[in-house]
Amino acid sequence: MLAPCVLRTGRCCSIVLAAVAALARGGVVSIVCAVVLVLLLCLAVHDLLQRKHSILRNYPMAGHLRFLFEAIRPELQQSFIEPGGRTDPADAAALVGP
């Protein structure tokens, strides 16, 4: 059941072919590239088969970026947005003092 779903998409087939080509060349760099490609294949299959987040199924790269930015959102707000809601650099300089 997994093979027809993976073969239908075309995304996963190209990753598998790239991994096989990397392994055929041999060498440490090729093996590392093949391992990375296989991990990406596993992630792609997981995204296709999961039912919880439709954004990951339809737009996997954008979905992963969205969840990454959701995870680091508090740090970004702390760095770039002042707690009072003001973003004027002159106000931030006044907070630091002389």
C-alpha atoms as a PDB file:
ATOM      1  CA  MET A   1       0.000   0.000   0.000  1.00  0.00           C
ATOM      2  CA  LEU A   2       2.879   2.361   0.670  1.00  0.00           C
ATOM      3  CA  ALA A   3       4.627   1.849  -2.678  1.00  0.00           C
ATOM      4  CA  PRO A   4       1.779   3.050  -4.954  1.00  0.00           C
ATOM      5  CA  CYS A   5       1.309   6.170  -2.818  1.00  0.00           C
ATOM      6  CA  VAL A   6       5.012   6.967  -2.971  1.00  0.00           C
ATOM      7  CA  LEU A   7       5.366   6.177  -6.668  1.00  0.00           C
ATOM      8  CA  ARG A   8       2.332   8.275  -7.563  1.00  0.00           C
ATOM      9  CA  THR A   9       3.788  11.501  -6.224  1.00  0.00           C
ATOM     10  CA  GLY A  10       7.011  11.669  -8.192  1.00  0.00           C
ATOM     11  CA  ARG A  11       8.685  13.663  -5.406  1.00  0.00           C
ATOM     12  CA  CYS A  12       9.745  10.563  -3.571  1.00  0.00           C
ATOM     13  CA  CYS A  13      10.880   8.756  -6.704  1.00  0.00           C
ATOM     14  CA  SER A  14      13.401  11.463  -7.523  1.00  0.00           C
ATOM     15  CA  ILE A  15      14.778  11.313  -3.963  1.00  0.00           C
ATOM     16  CA  VAL A  16      15.166   7.532  -4.190  1.00  0.00           C
ATOM     17  CA  LEU A  17      16.953   7.786  -7.529  1.00  0.00           C
ATOM     18  CA  ALA A  18      19.289  10.467  -6.187  1.00  0.00           C
ATOM     19  CA  ALA A  19      20.103   8.302  -3.149  1.00  0.00           C
ATOM     20  CA  VAL A  20      20.857   5.286  -5.343  1.00  0.00           C
ATOM     21  CA  ALA A  21      23.063   7.390  -7.613  1.00  0.00           C
ATOM     22  CA  ALA A  22      24.951   8.768  -4.610  1.00  0.00           C
ATOM     23  CA  LEU A  23      25.555   5.274  -3.232  1.00  0.00           C
ATOM     24  CA  ALA A  24      26.713   4.009  -6.621  1.00  0.00           C
ATOM     25  CA  ARG A  25      29.553   6.533  -6.688  1.00  0.00           C
ATOM     26  CA  GLY A  26      30.950   5.405  -3.330  1.00  0.00           C
ATOM     27  CA  GLY A  27      33.008   7.529  -0.968  1.00  0.00           C
ATOM     28  CA  VAL A  28      32.196   9.114   2.347  1.00  0.00           C
ATOM     29  CA  VAL A  29      30.549  12.234   0.932  1.00  0.00           C
ATOM     30  CA  SER A  30      28.299  10.171  -1.316  1.00  0.00           C
ATOM     31  CA  ILE A  31      27.244   7.953   1.559  1.00  0.00           C
ATOM     32  CA  VAL A  32      26.426  10.968   3.731  1.00  0.00           C
ATOM     33  CA  CYS A  33      24.408  12.468   0.855  1.00  0.00           C
ATOM     34  CA  ALA A  34      22.561   9.181   0.417  1.00  0.00           C
ATOM     35  CA  VAL A  35      21.715   9.040   4.132  1.00  0.00           C
ATOM     36  CA  VAL A  36      20.410  12.627   4.038  1.00  0.00           C
ATOM     37  CA  LEU A  37      18.313  11.826   0.968  1.00  0.00           C
ATOM     38  CA  VAL A  38      16.854   8.735   2.629  1.00  0.00           C
ATOM     39  CA  LEU A  39      15.947  10.799   5.693  1.00  0.00           C
ATOM     40  CA  LEU A  40      14.242  13.325   3.430  1.00  0.00           C
ATOM     41  CA  LEU A  41      12.379  10.453   1.780  1.00  0.00           C
ATOM     42  CA  CYS A  42      11.152   9.254   5.171  1.00  0.00           C
ATOM     43  CA  LEU A  43       9.986  12.777   5.990  1.00  0.00           C
ATOM     44  CA  ALA A  44       8.199  13.051   2.628  1.00  0.00           C
ATOM     45  CA  VAL A  45       6.416   9.721   3.136  1.00  0.00           C
ATOM     46  CA  HIS A  46       5.412  10.769   6.654  1.00  0.00           C
ATOM     47  CA  ASP A  47       4.039  14.071   5.331  1.00  0.00           C
ATOM     48  CA  LEU A  48       2.018  12.281   2.665  1.00  0.00           C
ATOM     49  CA  LEU A  49       0.513   9.703   4.990  1.00  0.00           C
ATOM     50  CA  GLN A  50      -0.261  11.812   8.070  1.00  0.00           C
ATOM     51  CA  ARG A  51      -3.765  13.211   8.475  1.00  0.00           C
ATOM     52  CA  LYS A  52      -3.339  15.759  11.269  1.00  0.00           C
ATOM     53  CA  HIS A  53      -1.920  18.747   9.340  1.00  0.00           C
ATOM     54  CA  SER A  54      -3.167  19.315   5.809  1.00  0.00           C
ATOM     55  CA  ILE A  55      -0.545  22.013   5.194  1.00  0.00           C
ATOM     56  CA  LEU A  56       2.198  19.379   5.547  1.00  0.00           C
ATOM     57  CA  ARG A  57       0.419  17.084   3.103  1.00  0.00           C
ATOM     58  CA  ASN A  58      -0.251  19.760   0.477  1.00  0.00           C
ATOM     59  CA  TYR A  59       2.727  22.108   0.930  1.00  0.00           C
ATOM     60  CA  PRO A  60       5.409  20.199   2.856  1.00  0.00           C
ATOM     61  CA  MET A  61       8.239  22.740   2.659  1.00  0.00           C
ATOM     62  CA  ALA A  62       6.032  25.718   3.507  1.00  0.00           C
ATOM     63  CA  GLY A  63       4.414  23.712   6.298  1.00  0.00           C
ATOM     64  CA  HIS A  64       7.720  22.829   7.918  1.00  0.00           C
ATOM     65  CA  LEU A  65       8.856  26.455   7.671  1.00  0.00           C
ATOM     66  CA  ARG A  66       5.595  27.556   9.274  1.00  0.00           C
ATOM     67  CA  PHE A  67       6.038  25.197  12.201  1.00  0.00           C
ATOM     68  CA  LEU A  68       9.691  26.241  12.560  1.00  0.00           C
ATOM     69  CA  PHE A  69       8.733  29.910  12.789  1.00  0.00           C
ATOM     70  CA  GLU A  70       5.939  29.061  15.238  1.00  0.00           C
ATOM     71  CA  ALA A  71       8.523  27.359  17.432  1.00  0.00           C
ATOM     72  CA  ILE A  72      10.917  30.327  17.459  1.00  0.00           C
ATOM     73  CA  ARG A  73       8.199  32.993  17.589  1.00  0.00           C
ATOM     74  CA  PRO A  74       8.738  33.991  21.249  1.00  0.00           C
ATOM     75  CA  GLU A  75      12.454  34.528  20.681  1.00  0.00           C
ATOM     76  CA  LEU A  76      11.793  36.631  17.596  1.00  0.00           C
ATOM     77  CA  GLN A  77       9.238  38.749  19.422  1.00  0.00           C
ATOM     78  CA  GLN A  78      11.608  39.232  22.328  1.00  0.00           C
ATOM     79  CA  SER A  79      14.393  40.320  19.991  1.00  0.00           C
ATOM     80  CA  PHE A  80      12.512  42.605  17.621  1.00  0.00           C
ATOM     81  CA  ILE A  81       9.367  43.810  19.369  1.00  0.00           C
ATOM     82  CA  GLU A  82       9.425  45.866  22.539  1.00  0.00           C
ATOM     83  CA  PRO A  83       7.068  44.659  25.294  1.00  0.00           C
ATOM     84  CA  GLY A  84       5.080  47.912  25.243  1.00  0.00           C
ATOM     85  CA  GLY A  85       4.284  47.494  21.576  1.00  0.00           C
ATOM     86  CA  ARG A  86       6.567  50.321  20.425  1.00  0.00           C
ATOM     87  CA  THR A  87       9.138  49.576  17.755  1.00  0.00           C
ATOM     88  CA  ASP A  88      10.738  53.030  17.419  1.00  0.00           C
ATOM     89  CA  PRO A  89      14.550  52.774  17.734  1.00  0.00           C
ATOM     90  CA  ALA A  90      14.714  56.142  19.548  1.00  0.00           C
ATOM     91  CA  ASP A  91      12.477  54.752  22.298  1.00  0.00           C
ATOM     92  CA  ALA A  92      14.702  51.710  22.669  1.00  0.00           C
ATOM     93  CA  ALA A  93      17.779  53.958  22.967  1.00  0.00           C
ATOM     94  CA  ALA A  94      16.053  55.925  25.735  1.00  0.00           C
ATOM     95  CA  LEU A  95      15.542  52.729  27.703  1.00  0.00           C
ATOM     96  CA  VAL A  96      19.244  51.938  27.677  1.00  0.00           C
ATOM     97  CA  GLY A  97      20.227  55.264  29.193  1.00  0.00           C
ATOM     98  CA  PRO A  98      23.362  57.415  28.878  1.00  0.00           C
END
